[in-house]
PDB file of all heavy atoms in Angstrom:
ATOM      1  N   ARG A   1     -19.030 -16.241  10.701  1.00  0.00           N
ATOM      2  CA  ARG A   1     -17.681 -16.655  10.967  1.00  0.00           C
ATOM      3  C   ARG A   1     -16.691 -15.776  10.204  1.00  0.00           C
ATOM      4  O   ARG A   1     -15.672 -15.423  10.677  1.00  0.00           O
ATOM      5  CB  ARG A   1     -17.529 -18.112  10.540  1.00  0.00           C
ATOM      6  CG  ARG A   1     -16.133 -18.722  10.699  1.00  0.00           C
ATOM      7  CD  ARG A   1     -16.046 -20.131  10.340  1.00  0.00           C
ATOM      8  NE  ARG A   1     -14.673 -20.618  10.496  1.00  0.00           N
ATOM      9  CZ  ARG A   1     -14.156 -21.086  11.612  1.00  0.00           C
ATOM     10  NH1 ARG A   1     -14.873 -21.098  12.702  1.00  0.00           N
ATOM     11  NH2 ARG A   1     -12.919 -21.547  11.587  1.00  0.00           N
ATOM     12  N   THR A   2     -17.044 -15.461   8.969  1.00  0.00           N
ATOM     13  CA  THR A   2     -16.198 -14.563   8.165  1.00  0.00           C
ATOM     14  C   THR A   2     -16.026 -13.266   8.765  1.00  0.00           C
ATOM     15  O   THR A   2     -14.905 -12.677   8.892  1.00  0.00           O
ATOM     16  CB  THR A   2     -16.742 -14.477   6.736  1.00  0.00           C
ATOM     17  OG1 THR A   2     -16.842 -15.758   6.094  1.00  0.00           O
ATOM     18  CG2 THR A   2     -15.892 -13.558   5.908  1.00  0.00           C
ATOM     19  N   PHE A   3     -17.132 -12.626   9.207  1.00  0.00           N
ATOM     20  CA  PHE A   3     -17.029 -11.286   9.785  1.00  0.00           C
ATOM     21  C   PHE A   3     -16.433 -11.243  11.129  1.00  0.00           C
ATOM     22  O   PHE A   3     -15.788 -10.230  11.502  1.00  0.00           O
ATOM     23  CB  PHE A   3     -18.433 -10.725   9.883  1.00  0.00           C
ATOM     24  CG  PHE A   3     -19.048 -10.275   8.545  1.00  0.00           C
ATOM     25  CD1 PHE A   3     -20.406  -9.926   8.422  1.00  0.00           C
ATOM     26  CD2 PHE A   3     -18.241 -10.134   7.397  1.00  0.00           C
ATOM     27  CE1 PHE A   3     -20.878  -9.546   7.227  1.00  0.00           C
ATOM     28  CE2 PHE A   3     -18.719  -9.763   6.209  1.00  0.00           C
ATOM     29  CZ  PHE A   3     -20.066  -9.428   6.085  1.00  0.00           C
ATOM     30  N   SER A   4     -16.539 -12.287  11.907  1.00  0.00           N
ATOM     31  CA  SER A   4     -15.990 -12.298  13.302  1.00  0.00           C
ATOM     32  C   SER A   4     -14.476 -12.601  13.370  1.00  0.00           C
ATOM     33  O   SER A   4     -13.822 -12.280  14.346  1.00  0.00           O
ATOM     34  CB  SER A   4     -16.739 -13.293  14.169  1.00  0.00           C
ATOM     35  OG  SER A   4     -16.552 -14.617  13.749  1.00  0.00           O
ATOM     36  N   SER A   5     -13.983 -13.247  12.340  1.00  0.00           N
ATOM     37  CA  SER A   5     -12.548 -13.636  12.323  1.00  0.00           C
ATOM     38  C   SER A   5     -11.710 -13.034  11.257  1.00  0.00           C
ATOM     39  O   SER A   5     -10.549 -13.397  11.126  1.00  0.00           O
ATOM     40  CB  SER A   5     -12.466 -15.162  12.207  1.00  0.00           C
ATOM     41  OG  SER A   5     -13.054 -15.649  11.037  1.00  0.00           O
ATOM     42  N   ASN A   6     -12.261 -12.180  10.455  1.00  0.00           N
ATOM     43  CA  ASN A   6     -11.559 -11.612   9.247  1.00  0.00           C
ATOM     44  C   ASN A   6     -11.585 -10.118   9.199  1.00  0.00           C
ATOM     45  O   ASN A   6     -12.527  -9.560   9.672  1.00  0.00           O
ATOM     46  CB  ASN A   6     -12.115 -12.194   8.002  1.00  0.00           C
ATOM     47  CG  ASN A   6     -11.733 -13.651   7.762  1.00  0.00           C
ATOM     48  OD1 ASN A   6     -10.645 -13.892   7.282  1.00  0.00           O
ATOM     49  ND2 ASN A   6     -12.570 -14.620   8.145  1.00  0.00           N
ATOM     50  N   VAL A   7     -10.615  -9.577   8.624  1.00  0.00           N
ATOM     51  CA  VAL A   7     -10.647  -8.227   8.097  1.00  0.00           C
ATOM     52  C   VAL A   7     -11.385  -8.257   6.781  1.00  0.00           C
ATOM     53  O   VAL A   7     -11.222  -9.075   5.907  1.00  0.00           O
ATOM     54  CB  VAL A   7      -9.322  -7.604   7.894  1.00  0.00           C
ATOM     55  CG1 VAL A   7      -9.291  -6.290   7.226  1.00  0.00           C
ATOM     56  CG2 VAL A   7      -8.557  -7.510   9.241  1.00  0.00           C
ATOM     57  N   MET A   8     -12.378  -7.298   6.615  1.00  0.00           N
ATOM     58  CA  MET A   8     -13.118  -7.219   5.398  1.00  0.00           C
ATOM     59  C   MET A   8     -12.655  -5.976   4.644  1.00  0.00           C
ATOM     60  O   MET A   8     -12.378  -4.933   5.273  1.00  0.00           O
ATOM     61  CB  MET A   8     -14.619  -7.036   5.678  1.00  0.00           C
ATOM     62  CG  MET A   8     -15.190  -8.197   6.532  1.00  0.00           C
ATOM     63  SD  MET A   8     -15.114  -9.796   5.666  1.00  0.00           S
ATOM     64  CE  MET A   8     -16.219  -9.458   4.256  1.00  0.00           C
ATOM     65  N   ALA A   9     -12.531  -6.078   3.323  1.00  0.00           N
ATOM     66  CA  ALA A   9     -12.008  -4.994   2.580  1.00  0.00           C
ATOM     67  C   ALA A   9     -12.770  -4.838   1.242  1.00  0.00           C
ATOM     68  O   ALA A   9     -13.415  -5.717   0.748  1.00  0.00           O
ATOM     69  CB  ALA A   9     -10.497  -5.234   2.299  1.00  0.00           C
ATOM     70  N   TRP A  10     -12.561  -3.641   0.709  1.00  0.00           N
ATOM     71  CA  TRP A  10     -13.072  -3.301  -0.638  1.00  0.00           C
ATOM     72  C   TRP A  10     -11.893  -2.959  -1.554  1.00  0.00           C
ATOM     73  O   TRP A  10     -11.035  -2.222  -1.179  1.00  0.00           O
ATOM     74  CB  TRP A  10     -14.049  -2.148  -0.622  1.00  0.00           C
ATOM     75  CG  TRP A  10     -15.366  -2.436  -0.034  1.00  0.00           C
ATOM     76  CD1 TRP A  10     -15.702  -2.244   1.274  1.00  0.00           C
ATOM     77  CD2 TRP A  10     -16.503  -3.062  -0.663  1.00  0.00           C
ATOM     78  NE1 TRP A  10     -17.039  -2.647   1.501  1.00  0.00           N
ATOM     79  CE2 TRP A  10     -17.499  -3.155   0.288  1.00  0.00           C
ATOM     80  CE3 TRP A  10     -16.699  -3.516  -1.938  1.00  0.00           C
ATOM     81  CZ2 TRP A  10     -18.765  -3.671   0.041  1.00  0.00           C
ATOM     82  CZ3 TRP A  10     -17.977  -4.047  -2.247  1.00  0.00           C
ATOM     83  CH2 TRP A  10     -18.958  -4.165  -1.291  1.00  0.00           C
ATOM     84  N   PHE A  11     -11.858  -3.541  -2.718  1.00  0.00           N
ATOM     85  CA  PHE A  11     -10.896  -3.303  -3.768  1.00  0.00           C
ATOM     86  C   PHE A  11     -11.683  -2.803  -4.979  1.00  0.00           C
ATOM     87  O   PHE A  11     -12.858  -3.077  -5.146  1.00  0.00           O
ATOM     88  CB  PHE A  11     -10.037  -4.481  -4.099  1.00  0.00           C
ATOM     89  CG  PHE A  11      -9.045  -4.851  -2.992  1.00  0.00           C
ATOM     90  CD1 PHE A  11      -9.409  -5.462  -1.851  1.00  0.00           C
ATOM     91  CD2 PHE A  11      -7.678  -4.490  -3.174  1.00  0.00           C
ATOM     92  CE1 PHE A  11      -8.481  -5.794  -0.881  1.00  0.00           C
ATOM     93  CE2 PHE A  11      -6.757  -4.804  -2.200  1.00  0.00           C
ATOM     94  CZ  PHE A  11      -7.182  -5.456  -1.081  1.00  0.00           C
ATOM     95  N   ARG A  12     -10.946  -2.220  -5.931  1.00  0.00           N
ATOM     96  CA  ARG A  12     -11.518  -1.858  -7.213  1.00  0.00           C
ATOM     97  C   ARG A  12     -10.537  -2.067  -8.349  1.00  0.00           C
ATOM     98  O   ARG A  12      -9.338  -1.994  -8.120  1.00  0.00           O
ATOM     99  CB  ARG A  12     -12.044  -0.418  -7.186  1.00  0.00           C
ATOM    100  CG  ARG A  12     -11.001   0.613  -7.095  1.00  0.00           C
ATOM    101  CD  ARG A  12     -11.691   2.009  -6.920  1.00  0.00           C
ATOM    102  NE  ARG A  12     -10.709   3.089  -6.932  1.00  0.00           N
ATOM    103  CZ  ARG A  12     -10.982   4.364  -6.691  1.00  0.00           C
ATOM    104  NH1 ARG A  12     -12.274   4.708  -6.478  1.00  0.00           N
ATOM    105  NH2 ARG A  12     -10.029   5.261  -6.642  1.00  0.00           N
ATOM    106  N   GLN A  13     -11.071  -2.340  -9.531  1.00  0.00           N
ATOM    107  CA  GLN A  13     -10.242  -2.475 -10.693  1.00  0.00           C
ATOM    108  C   GLN A  13     -10.875  -1.841 -11.874  1.00  0.00           C
ATOM    109  O   GLN A  13     -11.985  -2.189 -12.311  1.00  0.00           O
ATOM    110  CB  GLN A  13      -9.995  -4.027 -10.968  1.00  0.00           C
ATOM    111  CG  GLN A  13      -9.040  -4.288 -12.030  1.00  0.00           C
ATOM    112  CD  GLN A  13      -8.634  -5.782 -12.053  1.00  0.00           C
ATOM    113  OE1 GLN A  13      -9.351  -6.645 -11.584  1.00  0.00           O
ATOM    114  NE2 GLN A  13      -7.461  -6.074 -12.644  1.00  0.00           N
ATOM    115  N   ALA A  14     -10.179  -0.908 -12.474  1.00  0.00           N
ATOM    116  CA  ALA A  14     -10.607  -0.211 -13.697  1.00  0.00           C
ATOM    117  C   ALA A  14     -10.044  -0.941 -14.863  1.00  0.00           C
ATOM    118  O   ALA A  14      -9.104  -1.688 -14.736  1.00  0.00           O
ATOM    119  CB  ALA A  14     -10.148   1.251 -13.675  1.00  0.00           C
ATOM    120  N   PRO A  15     -10.651  -0.753 -16.069  1.00  0.00           N
ATOM    121  CA  PRO A  15     -10.165  -1.419 -17.286  1.00  0.00           C
ATOM    122  C   PRO A  15      -8.662  -1.151 -17.488  1.00  0.00           C
ATOM    123  O   PRO A  15      -8.241  -0.011 -17.520  1.00  0.00           O
ATOM    124  CB  PRO A  15     -11.035  -0.909 -18.383  1.00  0.00           C
ATOM    125  CG  PRO A  15     -12.261  -0.478 -17.676  1.00  0.00           C
ATOM    126  CD  PRO A  15     -11.824  -0.008 -16.366  1.00  0.00           C
ATOM    127  N   GLY A  16      -7.873  -2.225 -17.726  1.00  0.00           N
ATOM    128  CA  GLY A  16      -6.495  -2.047 -17.965  1.00  0.00           C
ATOM    129  C   GLY A  16      -5.592  -1.701 -16.804  1.00  0.00           C
ATOM    130  O   GLY A  16      -4.402  -1.523 -16.942  1.00  0.00           O
ATOM    131  N   LYS A  17      -6.176  -1.676 -15.616  1.00  0.00           N
ATOM    132  CA  LYS A  17      -5.485  -1.324 -14.420  1.00  0.00           C
ATOM    133  C   LYS A  17      -5.363  -2.526 -13.434  1.00  0.00           C
ATOM    134  O   LYS A  17      -6.218  -3.499 -13.568  1.00  0.00           O
ATOM    135  CB  LYS A  17      -6.141  -0.199 -13.635  1.00  0.00           C
ATOM    136  CG  LYS A  17      -6.301   1.083 -14.517  1.00  0.00           C
ATOM    137  CD  LYS A  17      -4.962   1.790 -14.714  1.00  0.00           C
ATOM    138  CE  LYS A  17      -5.148   3.105 -15.429  1.00  0.00           C
ATOM    139  NZ  LYS A  17      -5.956   4.087 -14.622  1.00  0.00           N
ATOM    140  N   GLU A  18      -4.474  -2.422 -12.537  1.00  0.00           N
ATOM    141  CA  GLU A  18      -4.367  -3.480 -11.511  1.00  0.00           C
ATOM    142  C   GLU A  18      -5.391  -3.225 -10.465  1.00  0.00           C
ATOM    143  O   GLU A  18      -5.868  -2.098 -10.240  1.00  0.00           O
ATOM    144  CB  GLU A  18      -2.942  -3.460 -10.922  1.00  0.00           C
ATOM    145  CG  GLU A  18      -1.832  -3.897 -11.831  1.00  0.00           C
ATOM    146  CD  GLU A  18      -1.945  -5.320 -12.217  1.00  0.00           C
ATOM    147  OE1 GLU A  18      -2.366  -6.194 -11.391  1.00  0.00           O
ATOM    148  OE2 GLU A  18      -1.606  -5.652 -13.387  1.00  0.00           O
ATOM    149  N   ARG A  19      -5.764  -4.262  -9.758  1.00  0.00           N
ATOM    150  CA  ARG A  19      -6.676  -4.198  -8.618  1.00  0.00           C
ATOM    151  C   ARG A  19      -6.051  -3.345  -7.494  1.00  0.00           C
ATOM    152  O   ARG A  19      -4.915  -3.548  -7.162  1.00  0.00           O
ATOM    153  CB  ARG A  19      -7.057  -5.554  -8.118  1.00  0.00           C
ATOM    154  CG  ARG A  19      -8.275  -5.573  -7.191  1.00  0.00           C
ATOM    155  CD  ARG A  19      -8.737  -7.040  -6.934  1.00  0.00           C
ATOM    156  NE  ARG A  19      -9.169  -7.716  -8.160  1.00  0.00           N
ATOM    157  CZ  ARG A  19      -9.552  -8.983  -8.194  1.00  0.00           C
ATOM    158  NH1 ARG A  19      -9.562  -9.691  -7.050  1.00  0.00           N
ATOM    159  NH2 ARG A  19      -9.907  -9.519  -9.335  1.00  0.00           N
ATOM    160  N   GLU A  20      -6.872  -2.360  -6.975  1.00  0.00           N
ATOM    161  CA  GLU A  20      -6.291  -1.509  -5.938  1.00  0.00           C
ATOM    162  C   GLU A  20      -7.147  -1.476  -4.683  1.00  0.00           C
ATOM    163  O   GLU A  20      -8.362  -1.620  -4.761  1.00  0.00           O
ATOM    164  CB  GLU A  20      -6.120  -0.071  -6.512  1.00  0.00           C
ATOM    165  CG  GLU A  20      -7.408   0.631  -6.806  1.00  0.00           C
ATOM    166  CD  GLU A  20      -7.188   2.127  -7.171  1.00  0.00           C
ATOM    167  OE1 GLU A  20      -6.124   2.697  -6.845  1.00  0.00           O
ATOM    168  OE2 GLU A  20      -8.107   2.701  -7.785  1.00  0.00           O
ATOM    169  N   PHE A  21      -6.512  -1.248  -3.594  1.00  0.00           N
ATOM    170  CA  PHE A  21      -7.139  -1.161  -2.284  1.00  0.00           C
ATOM    171  C   PHE A  21      -7.985   0.084  -2.193  1.00  0.00           C
ATOM    172  O   PHE A  21      -7.538   1.145  -2.568  1.00  0.00           O
ATOM    173  CB  PHE A  21      -6.083  -1.202  -1.229  1.00  0.00           C
ATOM    174  CG  PHE A  21      -6.578  -1.031   0.211  1.00  0.00           C
ATOM    175  CD1 PHE A  21      -7.193  -2.044   0.880  1.00  0.00           C
ATOM    176  CD2 PHE A  21      -6.445   0.185   0.843  1.00  0.00           C
ATOM    177  CE1 PHE A  21      -7.679  -1.873   2.194  1.00  0.00           C
ATOM    178  CE2 PHE A  21      -6.908   0.403   2.157  1.00  0.00           C
ATOM    179  CZ  PHE A  21      -7.523  -0.641   2.796  1.00  0.00           C
ATOM    180  N   VAL A  22      -9.228  -0.058  -1.596  1.00  0.00           N
ATOM    181  CA  VAL A  22     -10.113   1.053  -1.375  1.00  0.00           C
ATOM    182  C   VAL A  22     -10.170   1.354   0.136  1.00  0.00           C
ATOM    183  O   VAL A  22     -10.008   2.447   0.592  1.00  0.00           O
ATOM    184  CB  VAL A  22     -11.463   0.836  -1.990  1.00  0.00           C
ATOM    185  CG1 VAL A  22     -12.476   1.916  -1.625  1.00  0.00           C
ATOM    186  CG2 VAL A  22     -11.393   0.676  -3.484  1.00  0.00           C
ATOM    187  N   GLY A  23     -10.552   0.301   0.875  1.00  0.00           N
ATOM    188  CA  GLY A  23     -10.726   0.430   2.330  1.00  0.00           C
ATOM    189  C   GLY A  23     -10.923  -0.833   2.985  1.00  0.00           C
ATOM    190  O   GLY A  23     -11.230  -1.840   2.309  1.00  0.00           O
ATOM    191  N   SER A  24     -10.823  -0.883   4.304  1.00  0.00           N
ATOM    192  CA  SER A  24     -10.974  -2.114   5.085  1.00  0.00           C
ATOM    193  C   SER A  24     -11.536  -1.848   6.467  1.00  0.00           C
ATOM    194  O   SER A  24     -11.479  -0.697   6.961  1.00  0.00           O
ATOM    195  CB  SER A  24      -9.619  -2.835   5.170  1.00  0.00           C
ATOM    196  OG  SER A  24      -8.648  -2.150   5.929  1.00  0.00           O
ATOM    197  N   ILE A  25     -12.043  -2.876   7.053  1.00  0.00           N
ATOM    198  CA  ILE A  25     -12.653  -2.788   8.407  1.00  0.00           C
ATOM    199  C   ILE A  25     -12.370  -4.112   9.189  1.00  0.00           C
ATOM    200  O   ILE A  25     -12.502  -5.168   8.588  1.00  0.00           O
ATOM    201  CB  ILE A  25     -14.145  -2.479   8.371  1.00  0.00           C
ATOM    202  CG1 ILE A  25     -14.720  -2.219   9.855  1.00  0.00           C
ATOM    203  CG2 ILE A  25     -14.914  -3.530   7.647  1.00  0.00           C
ATOM    204  CD1 ILE A  25     -16.078  -1.612   9.824  1.00  0.00           C
ATOM    205  N   ASN A  26     -11.992  -3.975  10.477  1.00  0.00           N
ATOM    206  CA  ASN A  26     -11.897  -5.094  11.349  1.00  0.00           C
ATOM    207  C   ASN A  26     -13.264  -5.309  11.951  1.00  0.00           C
ATOM    208  O   ASN A  26     -13.805  -4.452  12.553  1.00  0.00           O
ATOM    209  CB  ASN A  26     -10.835  -4.779  12.438  1.00  0.00           C
ATOM    210  CG  ASN A  26     -10.537  -5.981  13.332  1.00  0.00           C
ATOM    211  OD1 ASN A  26     -11.436  -6.493  13.997  1.00  0.00           O
ATOM    212  ND2 ASN A  26      -9.333  -6.459  13.293  1.00  0.00           N
ATOM    213  N   TRP A  27     -13.749  -6.616  11.811  1.00  0.00           N
ATOM    214  CA  TRP A  27     -15.123  -6.906  12.237  1.00  0.00           C
ATOM    215  C   TRP A  27     -15.259  -6.664  13.749  1.00  0.00           C
ATOM    216  O   TRP A  27     -16.307  -6.048  14.182  1.00  0.00           O
ATOM    217  CB  TRP A  27     -15.503  -8.325  11.913  1.00  0.00           C
ATOM    218  CG  TRP A  27     -16.938  -8.541  12.141  1.00  0.00           C
ATOM    219  CD1 TRP A  27     -17.473  -9.346  13.117  1.00  0.00           C
ATOM    220  CD2 TRP A  27     -18.038  -7.941  11.395  1.00  0.00           C
ATOM    221  NE1 TRP A  27     -18.872  -9.301  13.015  1.00  0.00           N
ATOM    222  CE2 TRP A  27     -19.210  -8.413  11.983  1.00  0.00           C
ATOM    223  CE3 TRP A  27     -18.142  -7.033  10.335  1.00  0.00           C
ATOM    224  CZ2 TRP A  27     -20.473  -8.091  11.534  1.00  0.00           C
ATOM    225  CZ3 TRP A  27     -19.395  -6.703   9.879  1.00  0.00           C
ATOM    226  CH2 TRP A  27     -20.537  -7.191  10.483  1.00  0.00           C
ATOM    227  N   ILE A  28     -14.316  -7.207  14.578  1.00  0.00           N
ATOM    228  CA  ILE A  28     -14.375  -6.948  15.992  1.00  0.00           C
ATOM    229  C   ILE A  28     -13.501  -5.733  16.340  1.00  0.00           C
ATOM    230  O   ILE A  28     -12.305  -5.808  16.133  1.00  0.00           O
ATOM    231  CB  ILE A  28     -13.926  -8.190  16.735  1.00  0.00           C
ATOM    232  CG1 ILE A  28     -14.850  -9.370  16.450  1.00  0.00           C
ATOM    233  CG2 ILE A  28     -13.876  -7.904  18.247  1.00  0.00           C
ATOM    234  CD1 ILE A  28     -14.437 -10.692  17.152  1.00  0.00           C
TER     235      ILE A  28
END
């Protein structure tokens, strides 16, 4: 259900830094 109805993404966070976008994919 999650994969079929959602965009999936990867984020990353280094020490002392804000979380940043890495990449995303549309399941369908």
